[in-house]
């Protein structure tokens, strides 16, 4: 019953995001700073531990060279 209630509240945007993650052939790149960055790091750890290649890139570090870690298809 709880899952049915949740399914009714999920928007098409959520479904599209899940589809994009499923179809990603490269690594999932997550970015954020502050509290959003901490959440992003947890998301990448969870994705990586369940078999989806994922990397966290801090936005301030990205402009100082870390963008080189991102490849076509990520």
Foldseek 3Di string as FASTA:
>chain_A
DVVVVVVVVDDVVVVVVVVCQVPQPDAAEAEDDDPSLVVRVVVCVVCVVVPGHYDYDYVVVCVVPPVVVDDPRD
